[in-house]
N, C-alpha and C. Protein backbone atom coordinates (compact mmCIF):
# COMPACT_ATOMS: atom_id res chain seq x y z
N MET A 1 203.02 204.02 15.64
CA MET A 1 202.26 203.13 15.11
C MET A 1 201.56 202.38 16.39
N ASP A 2 200.48 202.05 16.25
CA ASP A 2 199.53 201.30 17.18
C ASP A 2 199.83 199.81 16.52
N THR A 3 200.29 198.89 17.85
CA THR A 3 200.52 197.58 16.98
C THR A 3 199.12 196.74 17.74
N GLY A 4 198.23 197.13 18.90
CA GLY A 4 197.57 196.61 19.76
C GLY A 4 198.22 195.58 21.03
N SER A 5 196.79 195.35 21.48
CA SER A 5 197.39 194.17 22.47
C SER A 5 197.53 192.65 22.16
N PRO A 6 198.73 191.79 22.72
CA PRO A 6 198.61 190.28 22.05
C PRO A 6 197.50 189.84 22.43
N HIS A 7 196.89 190.17 23.62
CA HIS A 7 194.98 189.61 23.66
C HIS A 7 194.43 189.95 22.45
N GLU A 8 194.34 190.82 21.85
CA GLU A 8 193.27 191.20 20.62
C GLU A 8 193.81 191.21 19.30
N THR A 9 195.22 190.85 19.27
CA THR A 9 195.51 190.93 17.62
C THR A 9 196.52 189.60 17.80
N GLY A 10 197.21 188.93 18.63
CA GLY A 10 197.60 187.47 18.37
C GLY A 10 199.26 187.70 18.43
N PRO A 11 199.48 186.73 18.83
CA PRO A 11 201.20 187.22 18.94
C PRO A 11 201.87 187.40 17.93
N THR A 12 201.66 187.01 16.80
CA THR A 12 202.41 187.13 15.76
C THR A 12 202.25 188.64 15.43
N ALA A 13 201.15 189.32 15.60
CA ALA A 13 201.03 190.79 15.23
C ALA A 13 202.01 191.50 16.03
N ALA A 14 201.45 191.14 17.54
CA ALA A 14 202.42 191.87 18.33
C ALA A 14 204.09 192.01 18.19
N VAL A 15 204.59 190.79 18.13
CA VAL A 15 205.79 190.67 17.64
C VAL A 15 206.23 191.41 16.42
N GLU A 16 205.77 191.44 15.51
CA GLU A 16 205.92 192.02 14.32
C GLU A 16 205.71 193.72 14.22
N GLY A 17 204.81 194.09 15.02
CA GLY A 17 204.59 195.49 15.66
C GLY A 17 205.72 195.80 16.40
N ALA A 18 206.08 195.40 17.05
CA ALA A 18 207.15 195.33 18.20
C ALA A 18 208.42 195.53 17.18
N ALA A 19 208.99 194.42 16.42
CA ALA A 19 209.78 194.37 15.87
C ALA A 19 210.19 195.93 14.92
N ALA A 20 208.93 196.44 14.26
CA ALA A 20 208.81 197.35 13.63
C ALA A 20 209.26 198.75 14.51
N GLU A 21 208.88 198.60 15.95
CA GLU A 21 208.97 199.87 16.83
C GLU A 21 210.26 200.15 17.46
N GLY A 22 211.19 198.41 17.07
CA GLY A 22 212.32 198.37 18.07
C GLY A 22 212.24 197.84 19.39
N THR A 23 211.12 197.64 19.81
CA THR A 23 210.75 197.09 21.30
C THR A 23 211.16 195.85 21.38
N ALA A 24 210.73 195.25 22.61
CA ALA A 24 210.29 193.80 22.86
C ALA A 24 209.26 193.53 23.06
N VAL A 25 208.58 192.40 23.02
CA VAL A 25 207.60 191.55 23.45
C VAL A 25 208.15 191.08 24.22
N GLU A 26 207.07 190.58 25.41
CA GLU A 26 207.71 189.31 26.43
C GLU A 26 207.40 188.21 25.76
N GLY A 27 208.48 187.24 26.07
CA GLY A 27 208.85 185.78 25.46
C GLY A 27 209.72 186.17 24.16
N THR A 28 209.83 187.42 23.70
CA THR A 28 210.68 187.35 22.79
C THR A 28 211.87 188.58 22.56
N ALA A 29 212.92 188.53 21.93
CA ALA A 29 213.86 189.77 22.03
C ALA A 29 213.87 190.24 20.61
N VAL A 30 214.23 191.70 20.45
CA VAL A 30 214.51 192.41 19.23
C VAL A 30 215.73 192.52 19.13
N GLU A 31 216.26 192.94 18.17
CA GLU A 31 217.68 193.51 17.99
C GLU A 31 217.62 194.49 16.79
N GLY A 32 218.69 194.95 17.19
CA GLY A 32 219.00 196.52 16.24
C GLY A 32 217.75 196.62 15.78
N THR A 33 218.12 197.86 14.81
CA THR A 33 216.79 198.17 13.91
C THR A 33 216.29 197.49 12.56
N ALA A 34 217.48 196.70 12.24
CA ALA A 34 216.37 195.85 11.26
C ALA A 34 215.04 194.92 11.92
N GLY A 35 215.10 194.72 13.01
CA GLY A 35 213.87 194.28 13.51
C GLY A 35 213.96 192.79 13.56
N ALA A 36 215.03 191.90 13.71
CA ALA A 36 215.15 190.18 13.77
C ALA A 36 214.61 190.04 14.73
N VAL A 37 214.06 189.14 15.12
CA VAL A 37 213.90 188.56 16.78
C VAL A 37 214.42 187.17 16.72
N GLU A 38 214.75 187.20 18.04
CA GLU A 38 215.93 186.15 17.93
C GLU A 38 214.92 184.72 18.13
N ASP A 39 215.44 183.57 18.60
CA ASP A 39 214.82 182.60 18.57
C ASP A 39 214.35 182.18 20.37
N GLY A 40 213.44 181.92 20.40
CA GLY A 40 212.77 181.97 21.66
C GLY A 40 211.14 181.68 21.77
N PRO A 41 210.73 181.45 23.16
CA PRO A 41 209.29 180.90 22.47
C PRO A 41 208.30 182.23 22.22
N VAL A 42 207.53 181.70 21.74
CA VAL A 42 206.37 182.76 21.44
C VAL A 42 205.08 182.79 22.00
N TRP A 43 205.03 183.46 23.16
CA TRP A 43 203.64 183.27 23.81
C TRP A 43 202.74 183.53 23.49
N ILE A 44 201.46 182.95 23.60
CA ILE A 44 200.26 182.98 23.27
C ILE A 44 199.01 183.16 24.48
N ALA A 45 198.47 184.28 24.33
CA ALA A 45 197.66 184.77 25.79
C ALA A 45 196.40 184.01 25.59
N LEU A 46 195.77 183.73 26.32
CA LEU A 46 194.16 183.33 26.55
C LEU A 46 193.42 184.35 25.92
N PRO A 47 192.29 183.87 25.49
CA PRO A 47 191.36 184.37 24.88
C PRO A 47 190.80 185.34 25.82
N PRO A 48 190.18 186.79 25.01
CA PRO A 48 189.38 187.47 26.48
C PRO A 48 187.92 186.62 26.95
N GLY A 49 187.46 186.34 26.27
CA GLY A 49 186.41 185.10 26.21
C GLY A 49 186.20 184.74 27.84
N LEU A 50 187.54 183.81 28.27
CA LEU A 50 187.56 183.80 29.49
C LEU A 50 187.81 184.55 30.94
N LEU A 51 187.90 185.50 30.64
CA LEU A 51 187.73 186.71 31.34
C LEU A 51 186.40 187.58 31.50
N LYS A 52 185.67 187.06 30.69
CA LYS A 52 184.28 187.71 30.87
C LYS A 52 183.46 186.57 31.04
N MET A 53 183.64 185.41 30.97
CA MET A 53 183.05 184.16 31.79
C MET A 53 183.72 184.50 33.43
N ARG A 54 184.81 184.25 33.42
CA ARG A 54 184.57 184.33 35.37
C ARG A 54 184.37 185.63 35.80
N ARG A 55 184.18 186.57 35.19
CA ARG A 55 183.78 188.19 36.07
C ARG A 55 182.60 187.74 36.26
N LEU A 56 181.67 187.50 34.99
CA LEU A 56 180.44 187.25 35.01
C LEU A 56 179.84 186.20 36.47
N LEU A 57 180.46 185.13 36.84
CA LEU A 57 180.19 184.26 37.53
C LEU A 57 180.87 184.85 38.91
N LEU A 58 182.01 185.69 38.85
CA LEU A 58 181.89 186.47 39.92
C LEU A 58 180.64 187.37 40.10
N VAL A 59 180.16 188.33 39.83
CA VAL A 59 178.77 188.99 39.79
C VAL A 59 177.77 188.58 40.01
N VAL A 60 177.58 187.11 39.36
CA VAL A 60 176.13 186.55 39.76
C VAL A 60 176.51 186.26 40.99
N TRP A 61 177.54 185.31 41.59
CA TRP A 61 177.21 184.25 42.88
C TRP A 61 177.81 185.48 43.70
N LEU A 62 178.60 186.89 43.78
CA LEU A 62 178.62 187.51 44.89
C LEU A 62 177.04 188.52 44.91
N GLY A 63 177.08 188.72 43.68
CA GLY A 63 175.34 189.54 43.40
C GLY A 63 174.49 188.90 44.42
N LEU A 64 173.90 187.71 44.47
CA LEU A 64 173.10 187.20 45.04
C LEU A 64 173.41 186.97 46.55
N ILE A 65 174.97 187.10 46.79
CA ILE A 65 175.39 186.64 48.47
C ILE A 65 175.41 188.12 48.86
N ALA A 66 175.74 189.09 48.20
CA ALA A 66 175.43 190.84 48.80
C ALA A 66 173.67 190.92 48.94
N LEU A 67 172.72 190.73 48.14
CA LEU A 67 171.69 190.34 47.90
C LEU A 67 171.08 189.77 49.26
N ALA A 68 171.43 188.52 49.75
CA ALA A 68 170.94 187.88 50.73
C ALA A 68 171.54 188.74 51.91
N ALA A 69 172.51 188.66 51.80
CA ALA A 69 173.57 189.35 52.99
C ALA A 69 172.97 190.83 53.50
N GLY A 70 172.29 191.68 52.70
CA GLY A 70 171.78 192.78 52.88
C GLY A 70 170.14 192.95 53.30
N LEU A 71 169.41 191.95 52.41
CA LEU A 71 167.87 192.15 52.77
C LEU A 71 167.50 191.07 53.40
N LEU A 72 168.11 190.05 54.20
CA LEU A 72 167.46 189.31 55.25
C LEU A 72 168.11 190.12 56.54
N PRO A 73 169.20 190.31 57.00
CA PRO A 73 169.18 191.19 58.21
C PRO A 73 168.82 192.46 58.15
N GLY A 74 168.56 193.34 56.90
CA GLY A 74 167.49 194.21 57.02
C GLY A 74 166.08 194.06 57.50
N LEU A 75 165.62 193.18 56.68
CA LEU A 75 164.19 192.64 57.01
C LEU A 75 164.10 192.47 58.53
N LEU A 76 164.98 191.50 58.96
CA LEU A 76 164.63 191.01 60.39
C LEU A 76 165.16 191.49 61.44
N ALA A 77 166.30 192.44 61.08
CA ALA A 77 166.78 193.32 62.17
C ALA A 77 166.63 194.60 62.64
N GLY A 78 166.30 194.94 60.94
CA GLY A 78 165.97 196.69 61.10
C GLY A 78 167.32 196.83 59.87
N PRO A 79 167.04 198.28 59.43
CA PRO A 79 167.48 198.71 57.95
C PRO A 79 169.06 198.92 58.25
N ALA A 80 169.70 199.28 59.47
CA ALA A 80 170.94 199.45 59.77
C ALA A 80 171.49 198.27 59.31
N TRP A 81 171.38 196.80 59.34
CA TRP A 81 171.93 196.09 59.62
C TRP A 81 172.15 195.42 57.98
N ALA A 82 171.52 196.36 57.18
CA ALA A 82 171.72 195.77 55.71
C ALA A 82 173.13 195.89 55.16
N VAL A 83 173.67 197.07 56.21
CA VAL A 83 175.11 196.99 55.63
C VAL A 83 175.88 195.92 55.52
N PHE A 84 175.79 194.78 56.03
CA PHE A 84 176.60 193.40 55.57
C PHE A 84 176.43 193.21 54.31
N ALA A 85 175.61 194.07 53.68
CA ALA A 85 175.96 193.67 51.93
C ALA A 85 177.09 194.51 51.57
N VAL A 86 177.68 195.26 51.91
CA VAL A 86 179.09 195.95 51.39
C VAL A 86 180.01 194.86 51.36
N LEU A 87 180.36 193.89 52.51
CA LEU A 87 181.33 193.05 52.59
C LEU A 87 181.46 192.14 51.24
N PRO A 88 179.97 191.47 50.63
CA PRO A 88 180.42 191.25 49.36
C PRO A 88 180.27 192.08 48.53
N LEU A 89 180.35 193.48 48.36
CA LEU A 89 180.09 194.03 47.15
C LEU A 89 181.96 194.71 47.10
N ALA A 90 182.47 194.60 48.33
CA ALA A 90 183.88 195.02 48.30
C ALA A 90 184.72 193.79 47.72
N LEU A 91 184.23 192.69 48.33
CA LEU A 91 184.95 191.18 47.46
C LEU A 91 184.86 191.40 45.92
N MET A 92 183.55 191.73 45.73
CA MET A 92 183.23 191.45 44.23
C MET A 92 183.95 192.63 43.66
N ALA A 93 184.74 193.61 44.26
CA ALA A 93 185.26 194.80 43.38
C ALA A 93 186.66 194.21 43.64
N TRP A 94 187.24 193.71 44.65
CA TRP A 94 188.78 193.10 44.64
C TRP A 94 188.96 191.99 43.93
N GLY A 95 187.79 191.27 43.84
CA GLY A 95 187.61 189.86 42.86
C GLY A 95 187.71 190.41 41.44
N TRP A 96 187.02 191.29 41.26
CA TRP A 96 187.10 191.70 39.53
C TRP A 96 188.69 191.85 39.00
N VAL A 97 189.53 192.84 39.91
CA VAL A 97 191.05 192.88 39.77
C VAL A 97 192.02 191.96 39.74
N MET A 98 191.69 190.97 40.47
CA MET A 98 192.35 190.22 40.79
C MET A 98 192.06 188.98 39.44
N ILE A 99 190.72 188.77 39.33
CA ILE A 99 190.43 187.44 37.95
C ILE A 99 191.40 188.39 36.69
N ASP A 100 190.96 189.57 36.34
CA ASP A 100 191.77 190.52 35.31
C ASP A 100 193.41 189.94 35.42
N ARG A 101 194.22 190.10 36.63
CA ARG A 101 195.66 189.66 36.76
C ARG A 101 195.95 188.25 36.55
N ASN A 102 194.91 187.43 37.21
CA ASN A 102 195.22 186.15 36.97
C ASN A 102 195.29 185.68 35.37
N TRP A 103 193.92 186.24 34.71
CA TRP A 103 193.80 186.06 33.26
C TRP A 103 195.00 186.51 32.37
N ARG A 104 195.40 187.75 32.72
CA ARG A 104 196.56 188.20 32.20
C ARG A 104 198.20 187.17 32.25
N SER A 105 198.04 186.47 33.36
CA SER A 105 199.45 185.82 33.57
C SER A 105 199.12 184.35 33.24
N TRP A 106 197.98 183.92 32.45
CA TRP A 106 198.22 182.49 31.65
C TRP A 106 198.85 182.86 30.51
N ARG A 107 199.32 182.02 30.08
CA ARG A 107 200.24 181.90 28.47
C ARG A 107 200.54 180.65 28.09
N TYR A 108 200.78 180.25 27.03
CA TYR A 108 201.82 178.94 26.43
C TYR A 108 202.49 179.10 25.22
N ALA A 109 203.39 178.57 25.17
CA ALA A 109 204.20 178.37 24.01
C ALA A 109 204.50 176.94 23.49
N GLU A 110 204.36 176.81 22.01
CA GLU A 110 204.83 175.47 21.65
C GLU A 110 205.98 175.60 21.21
N ARG A 111 207.03 174.78 21.66
CA ARG A 111 209.03 174.64 21.07
C ARG A 111 208.73 173.60 20.18
N ALA A 112 209.79 173.42 20.03
CA ALA A 112 210.31 172.00 19.37
C ALA A 112 209.90 170.64 19.76
N ASP A 113 210.39 170.83 21.53
CA ASP A 113 210.35 169.73 21.80
C ASP A 113 209.48 169.39 22.87
N ASP A 114 208.62 170.69 23.41
CA ASP A 114 207.94 170.68 24.56
C ASP A 114 206.94 171.82 24.47
N LEU A 115 206.37 171.78 25.12
CA LEU A 115 205.01 173.03 25.32
C LEU A 115 205.45 173.51 26.75
N LEU A 116 205.34 174.63 26.79
CA LEU A 116 205.50 175.63 28.01
C LEU A 116 204.21 176.24 28.57
N ILE A 117 203.65 176.13 29.86
CA ILE A 117 202.71 176.65 29.99
C ILE A 117 203.27 177.54 31.33
N SER A 118 202.58 178.82 31.47
CA SER A 118 203.10 179.69 32.50
C SER A 118 201.86 180.62 33.14
N ARG A 119 201.77 180.42 34.24
CA ARG A 119 200.69 180.93 34.92
C ARG A 119 201.12 181.67 36.44
N GLY A 120 200.33 182.68 36.85
CA GLY A 120 200.60 183.03 38.44
C GLY A 120 201.09 184.43 38.49
N VAL A 121 200.65 185.05 39.54
CA VAL A 121 200.82 186.75 39.55
C VAL A 121 201.77 186.46 40.70
N LEU A 122 201.65 186.26 41.73
CA LEU A 122 202.40 186.26 43.07
C LEU A 122 203.55 185.34 42.89
N TRP A 123 203.34 184.07 42.83
CA TRP A 123 203.95 182.87 42.35
C TRP A 123 204.06 182.08 41.26
N ARG A 124 205.08 182.76 39.93
CA ARG A 124 204.67 182.23 38.77
C ARG A 124 205.21 180.85 38.70
N GLU A 125 204.75 180.09 37.86
CA GLU A 125 204.49 178.84 37.88
C GLU A 125 204.98 179.19 35.88
N GLU A 126 205.94 178.02 35.99
CA GLU A 126 206.31 177.34 34.27
C GLU A 126 206.29 176.08 34.46
N THR A 127 205.66 175.52 33.57
CA THR A 127 205.34 174.15 33.24
C THR A 127 206.10 173.70 32.35
N VAL A 128 206.91 172.91 31.93
CA VAL A 128 207.20 172.22 30.88
C VAL A 128 207.01 170.77 30.50
N VAL A 129 206.38 170.40 29.38
CA VAL A 129 205.78 169.33 29.24
C VAL A 129 206.14 168.64 27.92
N PRO A 130 207.08 167.77 28.09
CA PRO A 130 207.85 167.17 26.84
C PRO A 130 206.70 166.83 26.14
N TYR A 131 207.03 166.73 24.50
CA TYR A 131 205.62 165.93 23.71
C TYR A 131 205.81 164.58 23.86
N GLY A 132 207.53 163.78 23.92
CA GLY A 132 207.20 162.38 24.10
C GLY A 132 206.95 162.04 25.59
N ARG A 133 206.71 162.81 26.43
CA ARG A 133 205.89 162.05 27.43
C ARG A 133 204.45 162.16 27.41
N MET A 134 203.72 163.09 26.53
CA MET A 134 202.22 163.19 26.51
C MET A 134 202.01 161.61 26.48
N GLN A 135 200.77 161.16 27.34
CA GLN A 135 200.19 159.95 27.56
C GLN A 135 198.77 160.24 26.72
N LEU A 136 198.20 161.38 26.98
CA LEU A 136 196.76 161.42 26.77
C LEU A 136 196.58 163.26 26.66
N VAL A 137 195.77 163.92 25.62
CA VAL A 137 195.53 165.07 25.42
C VAL A 137 194.13 165.19 25.20
N GLU A 138 193.16 165.92 25.98
CA GLU A 138 191.63 165.93 25.86
C GLU A 138 191.44 167.31 25.85
N VAL A 139 190.53 167.78 25.24
CA VAL A 139 189.50 168.61 25.08
C VAL A 139 188.11 168.87 25.89
N THR A 140 188.08 169.74 26.97
CA THR A 140 186.84 169.62 27.67
C THR A 140 186.37 170.96 27.63
N SER A 141 184.50 170.68 27.65
CA SER A 141 183.86 171.89 27.33
C SER A 141 182.62 171.89 28.45
N GLY A 142 182.94 172.15 29.40
CA GLY A 142 181.56 172.55 30.18
C GLY A 142 180.48 173.56 30.01
N PRO A 143 179.12 173.36 30.25
CA PRO A 143 177.89 174.00 30.09
C PRO A 143 178.33 175.69 29.78
N VAL A 144 178.95 176.09 30.95
CA VAL A 144 179.23 177.26 30.95
C VAL A 144 180.25 177.74 29.96
N GLU A 145 181.57 177.06 29.95
CA GLU A 145 182.33 177.23 28.88
C GLU A 145 181.99 177.17 27.63
N ARG A 146 180.73 176.34 27.00
CA ARG A 146 180.35 176.37 26.11
C ARG A 146 179.16 177.73 25.45
N HIS A 147 178.59 177.98 26.44
CA HIS A 147 178.02 179.39 26.29
C HIS A 147 178.46 180.48 25.56
N PHE A 148 179.83 180.40 26.49
CA PHE A 148 180.74 181.92 25.83
C PHE A 148 181.76 181.36 25.04
N GLY A 149 182.00 180.09 24.46
CA GLY A 149 182.81 179.54 23.14
C GLY A 149 183.99 179.12 23.51
N LEU A 150 183.94 178.37 24.73
CA LEU A 150 185.61 178.19 25.32
C LEU A 150 185.50 176.92 25.60
N ALA A 151 186.93 176.36 25.58
CA ALA A 151 187.21 174.74 25.90
C ALA A 151 188.55 174.83 26.56
N SER A 152 188.60 173.80 27.37
CA SER A 152 190.06 173.71 27.71
C SER A 152 191.00 172.15 27.38
N VAL A 153 192.15 172.47 27.32
CA VAL A 153 193.25 171.22 27.10
C VAL A 153 193.65 170.99 28.28
N GLN A 154 193.06 169.82 28.35
CA GLN A 154 193.99 169.00 29.44
C GLN A 154 195.29 167.99 29.24
N LEU A 155 196.66 168.13 29.54
CA LEU A 155 197.41 167.29 28.79
C LEU A 155 197.70 166.41 30.32
N HIS A 156 197.91 164.99 29.59
CA HIS A 156 198.34 164.19 31.36
C HIS A 156 199.63 163.63 30.87
N THR A 157 200.29 163.05 31.65
CA THR A 157 201.55 162.51 31.53
C THR A 157 201.90 161.41 32.27
N ALA A 158 202.60 160.68 32.08
CA ALA A 158 202.89 159.32 33.11
C ALA A 158 203.22 160.15 34.55
N ALA A 159 204.03 160.97 34.72
CA ALA A 159 203.91 161.56 36.18
C ALA A 159 202.99 162.50 36.55
N ALA A 160 201.94 162.71 37.35
CA ALA A 160 200.70 163.33 37.79
C ALA A 160 201.43 164.67 37.82
N ALA A 161 202.57 164.76 38.31
CA ALA A 161 202.72 166.28 38.95
C ALA A 161 203.35 167.18 37.75
N THR A 162 203.13 166.75 36.50
CA THR A 162 203.19 167.57 35.01
C THR A 162 201.95 167.31 34.49
N ASP A 163 200.68 166.98 34.67
CA ASP A 163 199.79 167.16 33.90
C ASP A 163 199.43 168.70 34.64
N ALA A 164 199.22 169.06 32.83
CA ALA A 164 198.93 170.24 32.78
C ALA A 164 197.56 170.72 32.21
N THR A 165 197.07 172.19 32.02
CA THR A 165 195.79 172.46 31.77
C THR A 165 196.07 173.87 31.17
N ILE A 166 194.98 174.39 29.96
CA ILE A 166 195.41 175.53 29.59
C ILE A 166 193.78 175.82 29.38
N PRO A 167 193.13 176.47 30.28
CA PRO A 167 191.86 176.97 30.43
C PRO A 167 191.56 177.82 29.26
N GLY A 168 190.53 178.26 28.88
CA GLY A 168 189.35 179.09 28.25
C GLY A 168 189.71 179.23 26.82
N LEU A 169 190.47 178.12 26.33
CA LEU A 169 190.77 178.42 24.68
C LEU A 169 189.31 178.52 23.50
N ASP A 170 189.77 179.28 22.22
CA ASP A 170 188.72 178.86 21.46
C ASP A 170 188.29 177.44 20.89
N PRO A 171 187.46 177.11 20.77
CA PRO A 171 187.16 175.55 20.37
C PRO A 171 188.05 174.82 19.23
N ALA A 172 188.03 175.95 18.24
CA ALA A 172 188.93 175.48 17.00
C ALA A 172 190.09 175.17 17.50
N GLU A 173 191.05 176.51 18.35
CA GLU A 173 191.99 175.98 18.95
C GLU A 173 192.34 175.42 19.70
N ALA A 174 191.88 175.17 20.55
CA ALA A 174 191.80 173.82 21.06
C ALA A 174 191.63 172.68 20.67
N GLU A 175 191.01 172.19 19.90
CA GLU A 175 191.27 171.12 18.88
C GLU A 175 192.37 171.12 17.74
N ARG A 176 192.85 172.04 17.70
CA ARG A 176 194.34 171.87 16.73
C ARG A 176 195.38 171.86 17.61
N LEU A 177 195.09 172.30 18.86
CA LEU A 177 196.27 172.48 19.73
C LEU A 177 196.35 170.92 20.38
N ARG A 178 195.21 170.12 20.56
CA ARG A 178 194.87 168.73 20.60
C ARG A 178 195.71 168.02 19.44
N ASP A 179 195.26 168.41 18.48
CA ASP A 179 195.71 167.63 17.06
C ASP A 179 197.15 167.65 16.84
N ARG A 180 197.98 168.87 17.11
CA ARG A 180 199.36 168.81 17.02
C ARG A 180 199.80 168.46 18.17
N LEU A 181 199.23 168.46 19.50
CA LEU A 181 200.25 167.76 20.41
C LEU A 181 200.15 166.46 20.34
N THR A 182 198.87 165.66 20.08
CA THR A 182 198.68 164.38 19.68
C THR A 182 199.76 163.90 18.69
N GLU A 183 200.13 164.46 17.63
CA GLU A 183 200.96 164.10 16.43
C GLU A 183 202.23 164.27 16.92
N LEU A 184 202.62 165.07 17.68
CA LEU A 184 204.38 165.11 18.18
C LEU A 184 204.15 164.37 19.02
N GLY A 185 203.69 163.99 20.12
CA GLY A 185 203.81 162.99 20.93
C GLY A 185 203.78 161.87 20.18
N GLU A 186 203.32 161.50 19.53
CA GLU A 186 203.31 159.92 18.99
C GLU A 186 204.61 159.86 18.33
N ALA A 187 205.07 160.96 17.53
CA ALA A 187 206.41 160.98 16.77
C ALA A 187 207.63 161.16 17.58
N ARG A 188 207.49 161.69 19.08
CA ARG A 188 208.59 161.70 19.80
C ARG A 188 208.66 160.36 20.47
N SER A 189 207.16 159.89 20.85
CA SER A 189 207.57 158.75 21.47
C SER A 189 207.88 157.22 21.10
N ALA A 190 207.86 157.33 19.91
CA ALA A 190 207.80 156.40 19.03
C ALA A 190 209.33 155.59 19.27
N GLY A 191 210.29 156.80 19.37
CA GLY A 191 211.67 156.43 19.42
C GLY A 191 211.90 155.40 21.47
N LEU A 192 211.01 155.43 22.39
CA LEU A 192 211.00 155.16 23.36
C LEU A 192 211.03 153.96 23.53
């Protein structure tokens, strides 16, 4: 049975497919053959549009640098010096892989009392933002993000160390998340 990737079909389909197969999806656990899923955070991955945007920016900027690094020395000092274009091209190949790994590391989960944000390849970082501590939730989208149909959610709390960002969301999901977090934040902070 092909369940697809959580990046393509969403977390619910991946958890249901894994439950049917009797395997675990990261962030969830599957019990026995009945396919009952234990309580735990349901991780939501970032959409692939963010990966496309970052890779395009990598190719554009390092492509221009490779062109300049090969063309200028090649014209001024001779064709043998055009080999300097290899360094930016090698950096582009390495960056292509690293951007993919970084994109796959980002995920978030909404729990009953807080929001979890997990990221990082070598050094994993998990941020827990309690709903009652949120002071401001804003959705931002720069010109490049808008071109790719993306938006970021920025969470501000009283402690600057716990400010968090979820980049590269679909604008509708970013607005839904902003509204939900604002509603939960107001409900949780009413008792403070």
